């Protein structure tokens, strides 16, 4: 969950800088399926101790 918060803050900051400098609008918080299966894959790939 902390990773999503960090992603949101960094993505929002970078998107606003790019928008101000180039006029291109990015939507870093738009839904993407990787948000759902990414944590599942990370959990299954984590080493088991």
N, C-alpha and C. Protein backbone atom coordinates (compact mmCIF):
# COMPACT_ATOMS: atom_id res chain seq x y z
N UNK A 1 0.82 -1.18 0.00
CA UNK A 1 0.00 0.00 0.00
C UNK A 1 0.87 1.26 0.00
N UNK A 2 1.96 1.20 0.71
CA UNK A 2 2.88 2.34 0.74
C UNK A 2 3.46 2.60 -0.65
N UNK A 3 3.69 1.53 -1.39
CA UNK A 3 4.22 1.68 -2.75
C UNK A 3 3.26 2.45 -3.64
N UNK A 4 1.96 2.19 -3.50
CA UNK A 4 0.97 2.92 -4.30
C UNK A 4 0.95 4.40 -3.93
N UNK A 5 1.11 4.69 -2.66
CA UNK A 5 1.13 6.08 -2.21
C UNK A 5 2.36 6.81 -2.77
N UNK A 6 3.50 6.15 -2.73
CA UNK A 6 4.72 6.75 -3.28
C UNK A 6 4.56 6.95 -4.78
N UNK A 7 4.00 5.97 -5.47
CA UNK A 7 3.76 6.08 -6.91
C UNK A 7 2.84 7.26 -7.21
N UNK A 8 1.80 7.43 -6.42
CA UNK A 8 0.85 8.51 -6.65
C UNK A 8 1.51 9.87 -6.47
N UNK A 9 2.31 10.02 -5.44
CA UNK A 9 2.98 11.29 -5.19
C UNK A 9 4.00 11.60 -6.28
N UNK A 10 4.86 10.63 -6.59
CA UNK A 10 5.87 10.86 -7.62
C UNK A 10 5.24 11.05 -9.00
N UNK A 11 4.26 10.21 -9.32
CA UNK A 11 3.59 10.33 -10.61
C UNK A 11 2.89 11.66 -10.77
N UNK A 12 2.24 12.12 -9.74
CA UNK A 12 1.57 13.41 -9.79
C UNK A 12 2.56 14.56 -9.95
N UNK A 13 3.66 14.49 -9.25
CA UNK A 13 4.67 15.54 -9.34
C UNK A 13 5.29 15.59 -10.73
N UNK A 14 5.66 14.43 -11.24
CA UNK A 14 6.28 14.36 -12.57
C UNK A 14 5.28 14.80 -13.64
N UNK A 15 4.03 14.36 -13.51
CA UNK A 15 3.01 14.74 -14.50
C UNK A 15 2.80 16.24 -14.51
N UNK A 16 2.80 16.88 -13.35
CA UNK A 16 2.60 18.33 -13.32
C UNK A 16 3.79 19.07 -13.92
N UNK A 17 4.99 18.57 -13.70
CA UNK A 17 6.18 19.20 -14.29
C UNK A 17 6.14 19.05 -15.82
N UNK A 18 5.84 17.85 -16.30
CA UNK A 18 5.76 17.63 -17.75
C UNK A 18 4.67 18.48 -18.36
N UNK A 19 3.53 18.58 -17.69
CA UNK A 19 2.43 19.41 -18.20
C UNK A 19 2.86 20.87 -18.29
N UNK A 20 3.56 21.36 -17.28
CA UNK A 20 3.98 22.76 -17.28
C UNK A 20 5.05 23.04 -18.34
N UNK A 21 5.95 22.09 -18.55
CA UNK A 21 7.06 22.32 -19.47
C UNK A 21 6.68 22.08 -20.93
N UNK A 22 5.83 21.08 -21.19
CA UNK A 22 5.58 20.68 -22.58
C UNK A 22 4.13 20.84 -23.01
N UNK A 23 3.21 20.92 -22.07
CA UNK A 23 1.80 20.99 -22.41
C UNK A 23 1.17 19.63 -22.60
N UNK A 24 1.95 18.56 -22.46
CA UNK A 24 1.44 17.20 -22.60
C UNK A 24 0.82 16.78 -21.28
N UNK A 25 -0.39 16.24 -21.33
CA UNK A 25 -1.08 15.83 -20.12
C UNK A 25 -0.94 14.32 -19.93
N UNK A 26 -0.38 13.93 -18.79
CA UNK A 26 -0.26 12.52 -18.43
C UNK A 26 -1.29 12.19 -17.36
N UNK A 27 -1.75 10.97 -17.35
CA UNK A 27 -2.70 10.54 -16.32
C UNK A 27 -2.09 9.36 -15.55
N UNK A 28 -1.18 9.63 -14.61
CA UNK A 28 -0.50 8.55 -13.91
C UNK A 28 -1.41 7.77 -12.96
N UNK A 29 -2.56 8.33 -12.60
CA UNK A 29 -3.45 7.63 -11.67
C UNK A 29 -4.60 6.93 -12.38
N UNK A 30 -4.56 6.88 -13.71
CA UNK A 30 -5.59 6.17 -14.46
C UNK A 30 -5.44 4.67 -14.19
N UNK A 31 -6.56 3.96 -14.06
CA UNK A 31 -6.52 2.54 -13.73
C UNK A 31 -5.77 1.76 -14.79
N UNK A 32 -4.97 0.81 -14.33
CA UNK A 32 -4.23 -0.09 -15.20
C UNK A 32 -4.28 -1.46 -14.54
N UNK A 33 -4.47 -2.54 -15.31
CA UNK A 33 -4.57 -3.87 -14.72
C UNK A 33 -3.36 -4.29 -13.89
N UNK A 34 -2.20 -3.69 -14.15
CA UNK A 34 -1.02 -4.06 -13.38
C UNK A 34 -1.19 -3.73 -11.90
N UNK A 35 -2.06 -2.75 -11.58
CA UNK A 35 -2.31 -2.44 -10.18
C UNK A 35 -2.94 -3.63 -9.45
N UNK A 36 -3.68 -4.44 -10.17
CA UNK A 36 -4.31 -5.60 -9.55
C UNK A 36 -3.41 -6.81 -9.48
N UNK A 37 -2.74 -7.13 -10.60
CA UNK A 37 -1.95 -8.36 -10.59
C UNK A 37 -0.51 -8.14 -10.18
N UNK A 38 -0.04 -6.90 -10.13
CA UNK A 38 1.33 -6.63 -9.72
C UNK A 38 1.64 -7.10 -8.31
N UNK A 39 0.84 -6.74 -7.31
CA UNK A 39 1.10 -7.21 -5.95
C UNK A 39 1.00 -8.73 -5.82
N UNK A 40 0.10 -9.33 -6.58
CA UNK A 40 -0.04 -10.80 -6.53
C UNK A 40 1.23 -11.45 -7.06
N UNK A 41 1.73 -10.93 -8.18
CA UNK A 41 2.96 -11.49 -8.76
C UNK A 41 4.16 -11.27 -7.82
N UNK A 42 4.22 -10.12 -7.19
CA UNK A 42 5.34 -9.85 -6.27
C UNK A 42 5.28 -10.80 -5.09
N UNK A 43 4.09 -11.11 -4.63
CA UNK A 43 3.95 -12.04 -3.49
C UNK A 43 4.36 -13.45 -3.88
N UNK A 44 3.99 -13.87 -5.08
CA UNK A 44 4.32 -15.24 -5.49
C UNK A 44 5.79 -15.37 -5.86
N UNK A 45 6.44 -14.28 -6.24
CA UNK A 45 7.84 -14.34 -6.62
C UNK A 45 8.78 -14.12 -5.44
N UNK A 46 8.24 -13.69 -4.32
CA UNK A 46 9.07 -13.42 -3.14
C UNK A 46 9.65 -14.73 -2.61
N UNK A 47 10.91 -14.68 -2.16
CA UNK A 47 11.49 -15.90 -1.60
C UNK A 47 10.79 -16.34 -0.33
N UNK A 48 10.59 -17.61 -0.21
CA UNK A 48 9.93 -18.17 0.97
C UNK A 48 10.99 -18.51 1.99
N UNK A 49 10.81 -18.00 3.20
CA UNK A 49 11.83 -18.29 4.24
C UNK A 49 11.30 -19.26 5.26
